[in-house]
Amino acid sequence: QMDRGTVLYICFFKGATDDILPKMAVSTLLNLRLCEADSGKLSSLLELPGSLLIVPQATLGGEAKGRAMRVSHRHQQGGRAA
């Protein structure tokens, strides 16, 4: 169950390895100031109240082909970082 919080959809492209994922996820994504707080100041995801749900989403790296999504050649399917 998730109460108030944020959902972060993420897609990893070919070349992403297990050794760069912690740095990318923790250092970059969670600390990047991209959300505006009630005070008007930009806040990171870690500074926001509530839970954080990170969802891998392969279609973010896809390309539209007509009315369907095609998997981009820049990443592979299979549920893990390429």
C-alpha atoms as a PDB file:
ATOM      1  CA  GLN A   1       0.000   0.000   0.000  1.00  0.00           C
ATOM      2  CA  MET A   2       1.238   3.455  -0.833  1.00  0.00           C
ATOM      3  CA  ASP A   3      -0.141   6.495   0.888  1.00  0.00           C
ATOM      4  CA  ARG A   4       0.715  10.030  -0.214  1.00  0.00           C
ATOM      5  CA  GLY A   5       3.873  10.056  -2.274  1.00  0.00           C
ATOM      6  CA  THR A   6       5.533  10.155  -5.656  1.00  0.00           C
ATOM      7  CA  VAL A   7       5.724   7.657  -8.514  1.00  0.00           C
ATOM      8  CA  LEU A   8       8.939   7.739 -10.551  1.00  0.00           C
ATOM      9  CA  TYR A   9       8.908   5.946 -13.913  1.00  0.00           C
ATOM     10  CA  ILE A  10      12.364   5.063 -15.213  1.00  0.00           C
ATOM     11  CA  CYS A  11      13.836   3.371 -18.265  1.00  0.00           C
ATOM     12  CA  PHE A  12      17.430   2.188 -18.671  1.00  0.00           C
ATOM     13  CA  PHE A  13      19.051   2.054 -22.087  1.00  0.00           C
ATOM     14  CA  LYS A  14      21.586  -0.366 -23.514  1.00  0.00           C
ATOM     15  CA  GLY A  15      24.925   0.106 -21.828  1.00  0.00           C
ATOM     16  CA  ALA A  16      23.502   0.671 -18.337  1.00  0.00           C
ATOM     17  CA  THR A  17      25.257  -1.699 -15.974  1.00  0.00           C
ATOM     18  CA  ASP A  18      24.644  -2.757 -12.394  1.00  0.00           C
ATOM     19  CA  ASP A  19      27.630  -0.730 -11.177  1.00  0.00           C
ATOM     20  CA  ILE A  20      26.255   2.626 -12.401  1.00  0.00           C
ATOM     21  CA  LEU A  21      22.664   2.085 -11.261  1.00  0.00           C
ATOM     22  CA  PRO A  22      23.184   2.929  -7.554  1.00  0.00           C
ATOM     23  CA  LYS A  23      25.048   6.126  -8.425  1.00  0.00           C
ATOM     24  CA  MET A  24      22.486   7.111 -11.037  1.00  0.00           C
ATOM     25  CA  ALA A  25      19.444   6.303  -8.900  1.00  0.00           C
ATOM     26  CA  VAL A  26      20.645   7.571  -5.546  1.00  0.00           C
ATOM     27  CA  SER A  27      23.027  10.342  -6.408  1.00  0.00           C
ATOM     28  CA  THR A  28      21.268  11.773  -9.433  1.00  0.00           C
ATOM     29  CA  LEU A  29      17.558  10.981  -9.487  1.00  0.00           C
ATOM     30  CA  LEU A  30      16.787  11.173  -5.787  1.00  0.00           C
ATOM     31  CA  ASN A  31      18.846  14.306  -5.105  1.00  0.00           C
ATOM     32  CA  LEU A  32      17.972  16.252  -8.263  1.00  0.00           C
ATOM     33  CA  ARG A  33      15.891  19.313  -7.379  1.00  0.00           C
ATOM     34  CA  LEU A  34      12.961  18.984  -9.738  1.00  0.00           C
ATOM     35  CA  CYS A  35       9.831  19.350  -7.609  1.00  0.00           C
ATOM     36  CA  GLU A  36       8.421  22.643  -6.416  1.00  0.00           C
ATOM     37  CA  ALA A  37       7.461  22.630  -2.741  1.00  0.00           C
ATOM     38  CA  ASP A  38       4.654  24.707  -1.213  1.00  0.00           C
ATOM     39  CA  SER A  39       7.259  27.324  -0.322  1.00  0.00           C
ATOM     40  CA  GLY A  40       8.084  27.801  -4.002  1.00  0.00           C
ATOM     41  CA  LYS A  41      11.593  26.430  -3.548  1.00  0.00           C
ATOM     42  CA  LEU A  42      12.741  23.454  -5.605  1.00  0.00           C
ATOM     43  CA  SER A  43      13.053  20.217  -3.655  1.00  0.00           C
ATOM     44  CA  SER A  44      14.513  16.796  -4.348  1.00  0.00           C
ATOM     45  CA  LEU A  45      12.423  13.630  -4.200  1.00  0.00           C
ATOM     46  CA  LEU A  46      14.080  12.777  -0.885  1.00  0.00           C
ATOM     47  CA  GLU A  47      12.909  16.060   0.637  1.00  0.00           C
ATOM     48  CA  LEU A  48       9.262  15.563  -0.318  1.00  0.00           C
ATOM     49  CA  PRO A  49       6.843  14.086   2.208  1.00  0.00           C
ATOM     50  CA  GLY A  50       5.437  10.622   1.637  1.00  0.00           C
ATOM     51  CA  SER A  51       6.579   7.460  -0.044  1.00  0.00           C
ATOM     52  CA  LEU A  52       8.504   6.953  -3.275  1.00  0.00           C
ATOM     53  CA  LEU A  53       7.591   4.192  -5.719  1.00  0.00           C
ATOM     54  CA  ILE A  54      10.094   3.550  -8.528  1.00  0.00           C
ATOM     55  CA  VAL A  55       8.590   1.732 -11.528  1.00  0.00           C
ATOM     56  CA  PRO A  56      10.678   0.392 -14.419  1.00  0.00           C
ATOM     57  CA  GLN A  57       8.844   1.332 -17.601  1.00  0.00           C
ATOM     58  CA  ALA A  58      10.306   0.091 -20.900  1.00  0.00           C
ATOM     59  CA  THR A  59       7.880   2.080 -23.065  1.00  0.00           C
ATOM     60  CA  LEU A  60       9.562   5.324 -21.973  1.00  0.00           C
ATOM     61  CA  GLY A  61      12.432   4.292 -24.227  1.00  0.00           C
ATOM     62  CA  GLY A  62      10.190   3.198 -27.055  1.00  0.00           C
ATOM     63  CA  GLU A  63       9.367   4.863 -30.312  1.00  0.00           C
ATOM     64  CA  ALA A  64       5.866   5.397 -31.641  1.00  0.00           C
ATOM     65  CA  LYS A  65       5.126   3.443 -34.802  1.00  0.00           C
ATOM     66  CA  GLY A  66       1.626   4.260 -35.913  1.00  0.00           C
ATOM     67  CA  ARG A  67      -0.608   3.610 -32.927  1.00  0.00           C
ATOM     68  CA  ALA A  68       1.795   1.166 -31.246  1.00  0.00           C
ATOM     69  CA  MET A  69       5.047   1.431 -29.307  1.00  0.00           C
ATOM     70  CA  ARG A  70       8.154  -0.166 -30.746  1.00  0.00           C
ATOM     71  CA  VAL A  71      11.068  -1.051 -28.483  1.00  0.00           C
ATOM     72  CA  SER A  72      13.943   1.248 -29.262  1.00  0.00           C
ATOM     73  CA  HIS A  73      17.207  -0.261 -30.435  1.00  0.00           C
ATOM     74  CA  ARG A  74      18.856   1.668 -27.567  1.00  0.00           C
ATOM     75  CA  HIS A  75      17.584  -0.717 -24.912  1.00  0.00           C
ATOM     76  CA  GLN A  76      16.602  -4.333 -24.654  1.00  0.00           C
ATOM     77  CA  GLN A  77      13.562  -6.033 -23.209  1.00  0.00           C
ATOM     78  CA  GLY A  78      13.750  -8.521 -20.417  1.00  0.00           C
ATOM     79  CA  GLY A  79      13.003  -6.628 -17.228  1.00  0.00           C
ATOM     80  CA  ARG A  80      16.549  -5.630 -16.291  1.00  0.00           C
ATOM     81  CA  ALA A  81      18.948  -2.926 -17.255  1.00  0.00           C
ATOM     82  CA  ALA A  82      20.736  -3.702 -20.482  1.00  0.00           C
END
